[in-house]
Amino acid sequence: MGSTSRRVDEVADLAIVVVSANNAAWLEDCLSSAFESAGGAKLDVVVVDNASTDGTRELVESRFPEARVLTSANLGFAYGNNRGIETTTAPYVLLLNPDTKILTGSFGELIDILDADPDVGLAGVRQVSADGELWPTMRRFPSLTRAVGEALFSERWPVHPRWAGERVLQPAAYESELESDWLSGSFMLVRREALLSAGLLDERFFLYSEEPDLCLRMKQAGWAVRFLPQMTIVHHAGKAGIQPRMVAQEAYARRQYASKHFGHPYRVLYLMGCGLRYLIRAALASRWGHDREARRQASVRALRALAGRGDPPFVPPPATALMPVDARPQG
């Protein structure tokens, strides 16, 4: 693991960890807006370079000398974030995607809100797409009925009952502070004390499902998970279109989550509900336009991942590299 470019700021109010795996093209806007949105808070910004070959380190060191760069093997989102967290000491840690940009609000304001409510362990903020459309980031925990509802296109129903889908779709819900089961991992503001009690991200998840797993453990440890509308960011989600390998990885992570948190009978039913989604989409793939073959392949690969057939889409970290679920950050 490479050395950092400067000494950790031990008096920082907020540590920001950005994991970049060949995301240099997005880092300019991400880091510039982060520093501009400090709002009086002292920041310790760490960019974890996950084996990038696009000049990530060079960009950060030349354009943002106040940030630190940590070189890491690319062993997944959770692994990279944990390595960054371990180098920080601030009372709050923000896990921030590189393909984001702060639009409104300040970190100082968010910290004041969390200081005033010590029961909140993890918080997220309002997110919009590149064209300004609200991106639903409040989620409900995975369940059999929600898997079946989403398989049956519940997000297109005229009403959206809680039992039929994970995403909170009502725009009005994003106008005020609200408790949530879990929040999108593109922006997770975490109280360090909560990490000490719930543990860091589970590195067995290479990508996807680490957020509901972390939030579930936060709640089990007695912490609240809350959406805060005081900040808005743009997140370039889905920027690469349909990628069969990534769809398969999400399905594989669902299988991991179910294996960790569900008993055997319920787990089987839940995975069948998830499989129904991909069976229906594979059958309907021919109705889509130019990307219909990618959609069909994505559904087929996802079904194989759910069934545990073949190798994982991404090679998981070796057992010796895994951090225990209850590992503690230093400091």
C-alpha atoms as a PDB file:
ATOM      1  CA  MET A   1       0.000   0.000   0.000  1.00  0.00           C
ATOM      2  CA  GLY A   2       1.425   3.367  -1.010  1.00  0.00           C
ATOM      3  CA  SER A   3       2.171   6.219   1.318  1.00  0.00           C
ATOM      4  CA  THR A   4      -0.042   9.266   1.649  1.00  0.00           C
ATOM      5  CA  SER A   5       1.046  12.626   0.277  1.00  0.00           C
ATOM      6  CA  ARG A   6       0.861  14.474   3.624  1.00  0.00           C
ATOM      7  CA  ARG A   7       0.265  13.913   7.294  1.00  0.00           C
ATOM      8  CA  VAL A   8      -3.299  13.219   8.429  1.00  0.00           C
ATOM      9  CA  ASP A   9      -4.978  16.337   9.808  1.00  0.00           C
ATOM     10  CA  GLU A  10      -5.755  15.263  13.346  1.00  0.00           C
ATOM     11  CA  VAL A  11      -8.067  18.241  13.995  1.00  0.00           C
ATOM     12  CA  ALA A  12     -10.324  17.741  10.968  1.00  0.00           C
ATOM     13  CA  ASP A  13     -14.083  17.952  11.513  1.00  0.00           C
ATOM     14  CA  LEU A  14     -14.874  15.739   8.539  1.00  0.00           C
ATOM     15  CA  ALA A  15     -12.897  13.145   6.632  1.00  0.00           C
ATOM     16  CA  ILE A  16     -13.981  12.624   3.012  1.00  0.00           C
ATOM     17  CA  VAL A  17     -13.036   9.291   1.430  1.00  0.00           C
ATOM     18  CA  VAL A  18     -13.313   9.015  -2.358  1.00  0.00           C
ATOM     19  CA  VAL A  19     -12.527   5.646  -3.947  1.00  0.00           C
ATOM     20  CA  SER A  20     -11.396   6.032  -7.546  1.00  0.00           C
ATOM     21  CA  ALA A  21     -10.970   3.114  -9.920  1.00  0.00           C
ATOM     22  CA  ASN A  22     -10.049   4.901 -13.166  1.00  0.00           C
ATOM     23  CA  ASN A  23     -12.378   7.791 -12.347  1.00  0.00           C
ATOM     24  CA  ALA A  24      -9.937  10.649 -12.918  1.00  0.00           C
ATOM     25  CA  ALA A  25     -12.305  12.284 -15.421  1.00  0.00           C
ATOM     26  CA  TRP A  26     -14.836  12.884 -12.631  1.00  0.00           C
ATOM     27  CA  LEU A  27     -12.507  13.901  -9.817  1.00  0.00           C
ATOM     28  CA  GLU A  28     -12.017  17.531 -10.858  1.00  0.00           C
ATOM     29  CA  ASP A  29     -15.681  18.422 -10.277  1.00  0.00           C
ATOM     30  CA  CYS A  30     -16.032  16.121  -7.285  1.00  0.00           C
ATOM     31  CA  LEU A  31     -13.069  17.418  -5.301  1.00  0.00           C
ATOM     32  CA  SER A  32     -13.457  21.064  -6.319  1.00  0.00           C
ATOM     33  CA  SER A  33     -17.068  21.124  -5.169  1.00  0.00           C
ATOM     34  CA  ALA A  34     -16.216  19.276  -1.961  1.00  0.00           C
ATOM     35  CA  PHE A  35     -13.602  21.820  -0.928  1.00  0.00           C
ATOM     36  CA  GLU A  36     -15.867  24.706  -1.960  1.00  0.00           C
ATOM     37  CA  SER A  37     -18.690  23.280   0.192  1.00  0.00           C
ATOM     38  CA  ALA A  38     -16.708  23.011   3.429  1.00  0.00           C
ATOM     39  CA  GLY A  39     -18.854  25.682   5.058  1.00  0.00           C
ATOM     40  CA  GLY A  40     -16.330  26.324   7.795  1.00  0.00           C
ATOM     41  CA  ALA A  41     -15.651  22.652   8.478  1.00  0.00           C
ATOM     42  CA  LYS A  42     -12.030  21.480   8.450  1.00  0.00           C
ATOM     43  CA  LEU A  43     -11.690  18.717   5.880  1.00  0.00           C
ATOM     44  CA  ASP A  44      -9.330  15.785   5.556  1.00  0.00           C
ATOM     45  CA  VAL A  45      -9.810  14.505   1.997  1.00  0.00           C
ATOM     46  CA  VAL A  46      -8.469  11.068   1.057  1.00  0.00           C
ATOM     47  CA  VAL A  47      -8.585   9.718  -2.489  1.00  0.00           C
ATOM     48  CA  VAL A  48      -8.111   5.959  -2.509  1.00  0.00           C
ATOM     49  CA  ASP A  49      -6.557   5.064  -5.862  1.00  0.00           C
ATOM     50  CA  ASN A  50      -7.856   1.563  -6.600  1.00  0.00           C
ATOM     51  CA  ALA A  51      -5.099   0.474  -9.008  1.00  0.00           C
ATOM     52  CA  SER A  52      -6.048   3.176 -11.542  1.00  0.00           C
ATOM     53  CA  THR A  53      -4.182   3.547 -14.826  1.00  0.00           C
ATOM     54  CA  ASP A  54      -5.724   6.868 -15.861  1.00  0.00           C
ATOM     55  CA  GLY A  55      -3.500   9.255 -13.921  1.00  0.00           C
ATOM     56  CA  THR A  56      -5.687   9.535 -10.829  1.00  0.00           C
ATOM     57  CA  ARG A  57      -2.763  10.072  -8.461  1.00  0.00           C
ATOM     58  CA  GLU A  58      -1.100  12.618 -10.738  1.00  0.00           C
ATOM     59  CA  LEU A  59      -4.335  14.584 -11.125  1.00  0.00           C
ATOM     60  CA  VAL A  60      -5.005  14.765  -7.399  1.00  0.00           C
ATOM     61  CA  GLU A  61      -1.444  15.627  -6.449  1.00  0.00           C
ATOM     62  CA  SER A  62      -1.172  18.386  -9.070  1.00  0.00           C
ATOM     63  CA  ARG A  63      -4.646  19.927  -8.749  1.00  0.00           C
ATOM     64  CA  PHE A  64      -5.507  19.224  -5.101  1.00  0.00           C
ATOM     65  CA  PRO A  65      -2.326  19.235  -2.998  1.00  0.00           C
ATOM     66  CA  GLU A  66      -4.459  19.628   0.135  1.00  0.00           C
ATOM     67  CA  ALA A  67      -5.853  16.129  -0.447  1.00  0.00           C
ATOM     68  CA  ARG A  68      -4.084  12.841   0.239  1.00  0.00           C
ATOM     69  CA  VAL A  69      -3.746   9.906  -2.149  1.00  0.00           C
ATOM     70  CA  LEU A  70      -3.689   6.356  -0.883  1.00  0.00           C
ATOM     71  CA  THR A  71      -2.701   3.578  -3.295  1.00  0.00           C
ATOM     72  CA  SER A  72      -4.718   0.394  -2.883  1.00  0.00           C
ATOM     73  CA  ALA A  73      -5.284  -2.871  -4.699  1.00  0.00           C
ATOM     74  CA  ASN A  74      -8.664  -2.928  -6.411  1.00  0.00           C
ATOM     75  CA  LEU A  75     -10.447  -5.339  -4.091  1.00  0.00           C
ATOM     76  CA  GLY A  76     -13.789  -3.601  -4.210  1.00  0.00           C
ATOM     77  CA  PHE A  77     -15.758  -0.596  -2.980  1.00  0.00           C
ATOM     78  CA  ALA A  78     -15.903  -1.695   0.653  1.00  0.00           C
ATOM     79  CA  TYR A  79     -12.213  -2.606   0.775  1.00  0.00           C
ATOM     80  CA  GLY A  80     -11.132   0.732  -0.696  1.00  0.00           C
ATOM     81  CA  ASN A  81     -13.328   2.779   1.614  1.00  0.00           C
ATOM     82  CA  ASN A  82     -12.154   0.874   4.666  1.00  0.00           C
ATOM     83  CA  ARG A  83      -8.518   1.490   3.779  1.00  0.00           C
ATOM     84  CA  GLY A  84      -9.272   5.196   3.499  1.00  0.00           C
ATOM     85  CA  ILE A  85     -11.254   5.323   6.744  1.00  0.00           C
ATOM     86  CA  GLU A  86      -8.373   3.708   8.622  1.00  0.00           C
ATOM     87  CA  THR A  87      -6.116   6.682   7.829  1.00  0.00           C
ATOM     88  CA  THR A  88      -8.550   9.250   9.288  1.00  0.00           C
ATOM     89  CA  THR A  89      -9.387  10.492  12.779  1.00  0.00           C
ATOM     90  CA  ALA A  90     -12.211  13.025  12.240  1.00  0.00           C
ATOM     91  CA  PRO A  91     -15.460  12.489  14.189  1.00  0.00           C
ATOM     92  CA  TYR A  92     -17.391  12.230  10.913  1.00  0.00           C
ATOM     93  CA  VAL A  93     -16.527  10.372   7.710  1.00  0.00           C
ATOM     94  CA  LEU A  94     -18.130  10.947   4.318  1.00  0.00           C
ATOM     95  CA  LEU A  95     -17.966   8.127   1.777  1.00  0.00           C
ATOM     96  CA  LEU A  96     -18.358   9.964  -1.531  1.00  0.00           C
ATOM     97  CA  ASN A  97     -18.495   8.625  -5.082  1.00  0.00           C
ATOM     98  CA  PRO A  98     -16.081  10.256  -7.543  1.00  0.00           C
ATOM     99  CA  ASP A  99     -18.886  10.804 -10.098  1.00  0.00           C
ATOM    100  CA  THR A 100     -20.653  13.330  -7.878  1.00  0.00           C
ATOM    101  CA  LYS A 101     -20.650  17.093  -7.484  1.00  0.00           C
ATOM    102  CA  ILE A 102     -21.964  19.177  -4.586  1.00  0.00           C
ATOM    103  CA  LEU A 103     -24.575  21.646  -5.858  1.00  0.00           C
ATOM    104  CA  THR A 104     -26.028  23.292  -2.753  1.00  0.00           C
ATOM    105  CA  GLY A 105     -25.497  23.153   0.983  1.00  0.00           C
ATOM    106  CA  SER A 106     -22.374  22.850   3.106  1.00  0.00           C
ATOM    107  CA  PHE A 107     -20.653  20.218   5.206  1.00  0.00           C
ATOM    108  CA  GLY A 108     -20.547  22.627   8.115  1.00  0.00           C
ATOM    109  CA  GLU A 109     -24.343  22.748   8.146  1.00  0.00           C
ATOM    110  CA  LEU A 110     -24.623  18.951   8.002  1.00  0.00           C
ATOM    111  CA  ILE A 111     -22.185  18.529  10.880  1.00  0.00           C
ATOM    112  CA  ASP A 112     -24.157  21.028  12.963  1.00  0.00           C
ATOM    113  CA  ILE A 113     -27.325  18.995  12.332  1.00  0.00           C
ATOM    114  CA  LEU A 114     -25.653  15.736  13.374  1.00  0.00           C
ATOM    115  CA  ASP A 115     -23.999  17.352  16.394  1.00  0.00           C
ATOM    116  CA  ALA A 116     -27.471  18.396  17.551  1.00  0.00           C
ATOM    117  CA  ASP A 117     -28.853  14.852  17.191  1.00  0.00           C
ATOM    118  CA  PRO A 118     -26.352  12.319  18.542  1.00  0.00           C
ATOM    119  CA  ASP A 119     -28.645   9.361  17.751  1.00  0.00           C
ATOM    120  CA  VAL A 120     -28.005   9.612  14.009  1.00  0.00           C
ATOM    121  CA  GLY A 121     -25.252   7.251  12.899  1.00  0.00           C
ATOM    122  CA  LEU A 122     -25.490   7.639   9.128  1.00  0.00           C
ATOM    123  CA  ALA A 123     -26.997  10.280   6.847  1.00  0.00           C
ATOM    124  CA  GLY A 124     -27.549  10.873   3.154  1.00  0.00           C
ATOM    125  CA  VAL A 125     -28.604  13.909   1.124  1.00  0.00           C
ATOM    126  CA  ARG A 126     -30.726  14.843  -1.854  1.00  0.00           C
ATOM    127  CA  GLN A 127     -29.341  13.611  -5.181  1.00  0.00           C
ATOM    128  CA  VAL A 128     -30.252  14.520  -8.745  1.00  0.00           C
ATOM    129  CA  SER A 129     -29.189  13.166 -12.112  1.00  0.00           C
ATOM    130  CA  ALA A 130     -27.115  15.116 -14.637  1.00  0.00           C
ATOM    131  CA  ASP A 131     -30.329  16.572 -16.115  1.00  0.00           C
ATOM    132  CA  GLY A 132     -31.627  17.652 -12.706  1.00  0.00           C
ATOM    133  CA  GLU A 133     -34.135  14.839 -12.151  1.00  0.00           C
ATOM    134  CA  LEU A 134     -34.535  13.593  -8.578  1.00  0.00           C
ATOM    135  CA  TRP A 135     -32.622  10.357  -7.983  1.00  0.00           C
ATOM    136  CA  PRO A 136     -34.358   8.206  -5.323  1.00  0.00           C
ATOM    137  CA  THR A 137     -31.741   7.409  -2.682  1.00  0.00           C
ATOM    138  CA  MET A 138     -33.922   6.437   0.279  1.00  0.00           C
ATOM    139  CA  ARG A 139     -34.407   2.684   0.316  1.00  0.00           C
ATOM    140  CA  ARG A 140     -36.242  -0.003   2.289  1.00  0.00           C
ATOM    141  CA  PHE A 141     -34.513  -3.184   3.345  1.00  0.00           C
ATOM    142  CA  PRO A 142     -34.650  -6.117   0.885  1.00  0.00           C
ATOM    143  CA  SER A 143     -37.563  -8.508   1.359  1.00  0.00           C
ATOM    144  CA  LEU A 144     -39.422 -11.211  -0.555  1.00  0.00           C
ATOM    145  CA  THR A 145     -42.471  -9.049  -1.283  1.00  0.00           C
ATOM    146  CA  ARG A 146     -40.305  -6.177  -2.477  1.00  0.00           C
ATOM    147  CA  ALA A 147     -38.335  -8.483  -4.761  1.00  0.00           C
ATOM    148  CA  VAL A 148     -41.560  -9.821  -6.273  1.00  0.00           C
ATOM    149  CA  GLY A 149     -43.094  -6.349  -6.535  1.00  0.00           C
ATOM    150  CA  GLU A 150     -40.075  -4.995  -8.405  1.00  0.00           C
ATOM    151  CA  ALA A 151     -40.102  -8.039 -10.662  1.00  0.00           C
ATOM    152  CA  LEU A 152     -43.676  -7.059 -11.557  1.00  0.00           C
ATOM    153  CA  PHE A 153     -42.680  -3.450 -12.333  1.00  0.00           C
ATOM    154  CA  SER A 154     -44.053  -1.972  -9.108  1.00  0.00           C
ATOM    155  CA  GLU A 155     -42.269   1.323  -9.803  1.00  0.00           C
ATOM    156  CA  ARG A 156     -44.679   1.824 -12.722  1.00  0.00           C
ATOM    157  CA  TRP A 157     -47.793   1.227 -10.630  1.00  0.00           C
ATOM    158  CA  PRO A 158     -50.016   4.266  -9.933  1.00  0.00           C
ATOM    159  CA  VAL A 159     -49.347   3.788  -6.206  1.00  0.00           C
ATOM    160  CA  HIS A 160     -46.155   2.620  -4.517  1.00  0.00           C
ATOM    161  CA  PRO A 161     -46.876   0.627  -1.336  1.00  0.00           C
ATOM    162  CA  ARG A 162     -43.977   0.050   1.040  1.00  0.00           C
ATOM    163  CA  TRP A 163     -44.178  -3.724   0.681  1.00  0.00           C
ATOM    164  CA  ALA A 164     -43.767  -3.660  -3.120  1.00  0.00           C
ATOM    165  CA  GLY A 165     -40.434  -1.890  -3.669  1.00  0.00           C
ATOM    166  CA  GLU A 166     -37.208  -0.792  -2.037  1.00  0.00           C
ATOM    167  CA  ARG A 167     -36.882   2.708  -3.482  1.00  0.00           C
ATOM    168  CA  VAL A 168     -38.844   5.586  -1.949  1.00  0.00           C
ATOM    169  CA  LEU A 169     -40.185   7.262  -5.092  1.00  0.00           C
ATOM    170  CA  GLN A 170     -42.462  10.028  -3.794  1.00  0.00           C
ATOM    171  CA  PRO A 171     -40.739  13.395  -4.523  1.00  0.00           C
ATOM    172  CA  ALA A 172     -42.333  14.997  -1.463  1.00  0.00           C
ATOM    173  CA  ALA A 173     -40.410  12.590   0.782  1.00  0.00           C
ATOM    174  CA  TYR A 174     -37.164  14.273  -0.256  1.00  0.00           C
ATOM    175  CA  GLU A 175     -38.214  17.721   0.949  1.00  0.00           C
ATOM    176  CA  SER A 176     -37.767  17.092   4.681  1.00  0.00           C
ATOM    177  CA  GLU A 177     -35.671  15.092   7.127  1.00  0.00           C
ATOM    178  CA  LEU A 178     -36.849  11.500   7.196  1.00  0.00           C
ATOM    179  CA  GLU A 179     -35.802   8.206   8.775  1.00  0.00           C
ATOM    180  CA  SER A 180     -34.816   5.550   6.261  1.00  0.00           C
ATOM    181  CA  ASP A 181     -33.873   1.875   6.271  1.00  0.00           C
ATOM    182  CA  TRP A 182     -30.801   2.483   4.138  1.00  0.00           C
ATOM    183  CA  LEU A 183     -29.363   5.108   1.816  1.00  0.00           C
ATOM    184  CA  SER A 184     -27.427   5.060  -1.443  1.00  0.00           C
ATOM    185  CA  GLY A 185     -23.695   4.492  -1.038  1.00  0.00           C
ATOM    186  CA  SER A 186     -22.783   7.343  -3.372  1.00  0.00           C
ATOM    187  CA  PHE A 187     -23.007   9.709  -0.363  1.00  0.00           C
ATOM    188  CA  MET A 188     -22.908   8.247   3.136  1.00  0.00           C
ATOM    189  CA  LEU A 189     -22.050  10.601   5.992  1.00  0.00           C
ATOM    190  CA  VAL A 190     -21.155   8.421   8.965  1.00  0.00           C
ATOM    191  CA  ARG A 191     -20.488   9.233  12.610  1.00  0.00           C
ATOM    192  CA  ARG A 192     -17.194   7.589  13.618  1.00  0.00           C
ATOM    193  CA  GLU A 193     -18.669   6.489  16.939  1.00  0.00           C
ATOM    194  CA  ALA A 194     -21.324   4.580  14.985  1.00  0.00           C
ATOM    195  CA  LEU A 195     -18.633   2.823  12.963  1.00  0.00           C
ATOM    196  CA  LEU A 196     -16.910   1.846  16.201  1.00  0.00           C
ATOM    197  CA  SER A 197     -20.078   0.125  17.382  1.00  0.00           C
ATOM    198  CA  ALA A 198     -21.418  -1.294  14.092  1.00  0.00           C
ATOM    199  CA  GLY A 199     -18.145  -2.011  12.292  1.00  0.00           C
ATOM    200  CA  LEU A 200     -16.739  -0.947   8.940  1.00  0.00           C
ATOM    201  CA  LEU A 201     -18.076  -1.998   5.554  1.00  0.00           C
ATOM    202  CA  ASP A 202     -18.096  -5.768   5.051  1.00  0.00           C
ATOM    203  CA  GLU A 203     -15.350  -6.430   2.507  1.00  0.00           C
ATOM    204  CA  ARG A 204     -16.941  -9.672   1.379  1.00  0.00           C
ATOM    205  CA  PHE A 205     -19.157  -7.432  -0.754  1.00  0.00           C
ATOM    206  CA  PHE A 206     -17.002  -6.419  -3.716  1.00  0.00           C
ATOM    207  CA  LEU A 207     -19.667  -4.034  -4.999  1.00  0.00           C
ATOM    208  CA  TYR A 208     -23.373  -3.496  -4.169  1.00  0.00           C
ATOM    209  CA  SER A 209     -25.365  -4.472  -1.046  1.00  0.00           C
ATOM    210  CA  GLU A 210     -22.687  -3.150   1.299  1.00  0.00           C
ATOM    211  CA  GLU A 211     -24.947  -0.151   2.013  1.00  0.00           C
ATOM    212  CA  PRO A 212     -28.047  -2.026   3.278  1.00  0.00           C
ATOM    213  CA  ASP A 213     -25.724  -4.346   5.200  1.00  0.00           C
ATOM    214  CA  LEU A 214     -23.976  -1.417   6.926  1.00  0.00           C
ATOM    215  CA  CYS A 215     -27.234   0.419   7.637  1.00  0.00           C
ATOM    216  CA  LEU A 216     -28.832  -2.736   9.047  1.00  0.00           C
ATOM    217  CA  ARG A 217     -25.886  -3.200  11.405  1.00  0.00           C
ATOM    218  CA  MET A 218     -26.099   0.493  12.341  1.00  0.00           C
ATOM    219  CA  LYS A 219     -29.745   0.073  13.315  1.00  0.00           C
ATOM    220  CA  GLN A 220     -29.041  -3.134  15.196  1.00  0.00           C
ATOM    221  CA  ALA A 221     -26.428  -1.203  17.182  1.00  0.00           C
ATOM    222  CA  GLY A 222     -29.041   1.425  18.083  1.00  0.00           C
ATOM    223  CA  TRP A 223     -28.261   4.178  15.548  1.00  0.00           C
ATOM    224  CA  ALA A 224     -30.684   6.050  13.309  1.00  0.00           C
ATOM    225  CA  VAL A 225     -30.274   6.370   9.537  1.00  0.00           C
ATOM    226  CA  ARG A 226     -31.599   9.683   8.246  1.00  0.00           C
ATOM    227  CA  PHE A 227     -32.104  11.538   4.987  1.00  0.00           C
ATOM    228  CA  LEU A 228     -31.140  15.236   5.124  1.00  0.00           C
ATOM    229  CA  PRO A 229     -32.473  17.609   2.421  1.00  0.00           C
ATOM    230  CA  GLN A 230     -30.119  20.452   3.352  1.00  0.00           C
ATOM    231  CA  MET A 231     -27.586  19.447   0.682  1.00  0.00           C
ATOM    232  CA  THR A 232     -28.114  18.529  -2.971  1.00  0.00           C
ATOM    233  CA  ILE A 233     -25.561  16.747  -5.137  1.00  0.00           C
ATOM    234  CA  VAL A 234     -25.528  15.581  -8.723  1.00  0.00           C
ATOM    235  CA  HIS A 235     -24.724  11.911  -9.215  1.00  0.00           C
ATOM    236  CA  HIS A 236     -23.947  10.566 -12.669  1.00  0.00           C
ATOM    237  CA  ALA A 237     -25.597   7.224 -11.946  1.00  0.00           C
ATOM    238  CA  GLY A 238     -26.021   4.833 -14.863  1.00  0.00           C
ATOM    239  CA  LYS A 239     -23.603   6.852 -16.971  1.00  0.00           C
ATOM    240  CA  ALA A 240     -22.225   3.752 -18.723  1.00  0.00           C
ATOM    241  CA  GLY A 241     -25.586   2.277 -19.751  1.00  0.00           C
ATOM    242  CA  ILE A 242     -26.439  -1.423 -19.461  1.00  0.00           C
ATOM    243  CA  GLN A 243     -23.399  -3.454 -18.425  1.00  0.00           C
ATOM    244  CA  PRO A 244     -24.146  -7.195 -18.103  1.00  0.00           C
ATOM    245  CA  ARG A 245     -21.226  -7.782 -15.749  1.00  0.00           C
ATOM    246  CA  MET A 246     -22.385  -5.059 -13.364  1.00  0.00           C
ATOM    247  CA  VAL A 247     -25.979  -6.330 -13.403  1.00  0.00           C
ATOM    248  CA  ALA A 248     -24.666  -9.795 -12.602  1.00  0.00           C
ATOM    249  CA  GLN A 249     -22.553  -8.346  -9.788  1.00  0.00           C
ATOM    250  CA  GLU A 250     -25.600  -6.695  -8.253  1.00  0.00           C
ATOM    251  CA  ALA A 251     -27.454 -10.023  -8.376  1.00  0.00           C
ATOM    252  CA  TYR A 252     -24.465 -11.810  -6.851  1.00  0.00           C
ATOM    253  CA  ALA A 253     -24.338  -9.245  -4.031  1.00  0.00           C
ATOM    254  CA  ARG A 254     -28.042  -9.839  -3.383  1.00  0.00           C
ATOM    255  CA  ARG A 255     -27.238 -13.503  -2.945  1.00  0.00           C
ATOM    256  CA  GLN A 256     -24.472 -12.586  -0.494  1.00  0.00           C
ATOM    257  CA  TYR A 257     -26.803 -10.303   1.467  1.00  0.00           C
ATOM    258  CA  ALA A 258     -29.488 -12.992   1.644  1.00  0.00           C
ATOM    259  CA  SER A 259     -26.950 -15.585   2.800  1.00  0.00           C
ATOM    260  CA  LYS A 260     -25.802 -13.256   5.574  1.00  0.00           C
ATOM    261  CA  HIS A 261     -29.135 -11.981   6.851  1.00  0.00           C
ATOM    262  CA  PHE A 262     -31.902 -14.456   5.918  1.00  0.00           C
ATOM    263  CA  GLY A 263     -32.636 -17.931   7.223  1.00  0.00           C
ATOM    264  CA  HIS A 264     -32.614 -20.759   4.691  1.00  0.00           C
ATOM    265  CA  PRO A 265     -36.345 -21.050   3.764  1.00  0.00           C
ATOM    266  CA  TYR A 266     -36.817 -17.289   3.436  1.00  0.00           C
ATOM    267  CA  ARG A 267     -33.510 -16.910   1.590  1.00  0.00           C
ATOM    268  CA  VAL A 268     -34.587 -19.404  -1.065  1.00  0.00           C
ATOM    269  CA  LEU A 269     -37.904 -17.627  -1.566  1.00  0.00           C
ATOM    270  CA  TYR A 270     -36.219 -14.226  -1.702  1.00  0.00           C
ATOM    271  CA  LEU A 271     -33.736 -15.354  -4.348  1.00  0.00           C
ATOM    272  CA  MET A 272     -36.603 -16.839  -6.351  1.00  0.00           C
ATOM    273  CA  GLY A 273     -38.296 -13.437  -6.191  1.00  0.00           C
ATOM    274  CA  CYS A 274     -35.105 -11.784  -7.425  1.00  0.00           C
ATOM    275  CA  GLY A 275     -34.832 -14.404 -10.167  1.00  0.00           C
ATOM    276  CA  LEU A 276     -38.377 -13.666 -11.317  1.00  0.00           C
ATOM    277  CA  ARG A 277     -37.273 -10.122 -12.112  1.00  0.00           C
ATOM    278  CA  TYR A 278     -34.537 -11.287 -14.462  1.00  0.00           C
ATOM    279  CA  LEU A 279     -36.660 -14.031 -16.035  1.00  0.00           C
ATOM    280  CA  ILE A 280     -39.311 -11.469 -16.985  1.00  0.00           C
ATOM    281  CA  ARG A 281     -36.761  -9.001 -18.284  1.00  0.00           C
ATOM    282  CA  ALA A 282     -34.995 -11.652 -20.328  1.00  0.00           C
ATOM    283  CA  ALA A 283     -38.340 -12.588 -21.898  1.00  0.00           C
ATOM    284  CA  LEU A 284     -39.096  -8.932 -22.688  1.00  0.00           C
ATOM    285  CA  ALA A 285     -35.611  -8.001 -23.893  1.00  0.00           C
ATOM    286  CA  SER A 286     -36.620  -8.176 -27.559  1.00  0.00           C
ATOM    287  CA  ARG A 287     -38.997  -5.238 -27.010  1.00  0.00           C
ATOM    288  CA  TRP A 288     -36.151  -2.877 -26.215  1.00  0.00           C
ATOM    289  CA  GLY A 289     -34.209  -0.890 -28.775  1.00  0.00           C
ATOM    290  CA  HIS A 290     -30.537  -0.991 -29.659  1.00  0.00           C
ATOM    291  CA  ASP A 291     -29.471  -2.314 -26.248  1.00  0.00           C
ATOM    292  CA  ARG A 292     -31.838  -5.294 -26.203  1.00  0.00           C
ATOM    293  CA  GLU A 293     -28.992  -7.810 -26.519  1.00  0.00           C
ATOM    294  CA  ALA A 294     -27.132  -6.212 -23.615  1.00  0.00           C
ATOM    295  CA  ARG A 295     -30.310  -6.381 -21.545  1.00  0.00           C
ATOM    296  CA  ARG A 296     -30.834 -10.036 -22.396  1.00  0.00           C
ATOM    297  CA  GLN A 297     -27.247 -10.910 -21.552  1.00  0.00           C
ATOM    298  CA  ALA A 298     -27.473  -8.946 -18.313  1.00  0.00           C
ATOM    299  CA  SER A 299     -30.579 -10.877 -17.245  1.00  0.00           C
ATOM    300  CA  VAL A 300     -29.055 -14.240 -18.124  1.00  0.00           C
ATOM    301  CA  ARG A 301     -25.831 -13.480 -16.261  1.00  0.00           C
ATOM    302  CA  ALA A 302     -27.787 -12.211 -13.263  1.00  0.00           C
ATOM    303  CA  LEU A 303     -29.791 -15.444 -13.118  1.00  0.00           C
ATOM    304  CA  ARG A 304     -26.582 -17.465 -13.141  1.00  0.00           C
ATOM    305  CA  ALA A 305     -25.169 -15.310 -10.332  1.00  0.00           C
ATOM    306  CA  LEU A 306     -28.306 -15.736  -8.224  1.00  0.00           C
ATOM    307  CA  ALA A 307     -28.140 -19.489  -8.738  1.00  0.00           C
ATOM    308  CA  GLY A 308     -24.496 -19.601  -7.696  1.00  0.00           C
ATOM    309  CA  ARG A 309     -23.412 -20.990 -11.055  1.00  0.00           C
ATOM    310  CA  GLY A 310     -19.902 -20.115 -12.176  1.00  0.00           C
ATOM    311  CA  ASP A 311     -17.411 -17.691 -10.684  1.00  0.00           C
ATOM    312  CA  PRO A 312     -18.459 -14.335  -9.174  1.00  0.00           C
ATOM    313  CA  PRO A 313     -18.566 -11.478 -11.727  1.00  0.00           C
ATOM    314  CA  PHE A 314     -15.674  -9.837  -9.864  1.00  0.00           C
ATOM    315  CA  VAL A 315     -13.061 -11.870  -8.041  1.00  0.00           C
ATOM    316  CA  PRO A 316     -13.582 -11.356  -4.278  1.00  0.00           C
ATOM    317  CA  PRO A 317     -10.666 -10.468  -1.993  1.00  0.00           C
ATOM    318  CA  PRO A 318      -8.591 -13.408  -0.776  1.00  0.00           C
ATOM    319  CA  ALA A 319      -9.532 -14.619   2.692  1.00  0.00           C
ATOM    320  CA  THR A 320      -6.311 -13.223   4.153  1.00  0.00           C
ATOM    321  CA  ALA A 321      -7.204  -9.735   2.895  1.00  0.00           C
ATOM    322  CA  LEU A 322     -10.675  -9.647   4.410  1.00  0.00           C
ATOM    323  CA  MET A 323     -11.276  -7.389   7.380  1.00  0.00           C
ATOM    324  CA  PRO A 324     -13.587  -8.872  10.015  1.00  0.00           C
ATOM    325  CA  VAL A 325     -17.064  -7.348   9.974  1.00  0.00           C
ATOM    326  CA  ASP A 326     -16.504  -5.813  13.405  1.00  0.00           C
ATOM    327  CA  ALA A 327     -13.086  -4.338  12.581  1.00  0.00           C
ATOM    328  CA  ARG A 328     -12.439  -0.936  14.074  1.00  0.00           C
ATOM    329  CA  PRO A 329     -10.882   2.125  12.465  1.00  0.00           C
ATOM    330  CA  GLN A 330      -7.752   3.477  14.041  1.00  0.00           C
ATOM    331  CA  GLY A 331      -7.779   6.675  16.054  1.00  0.00           C
END
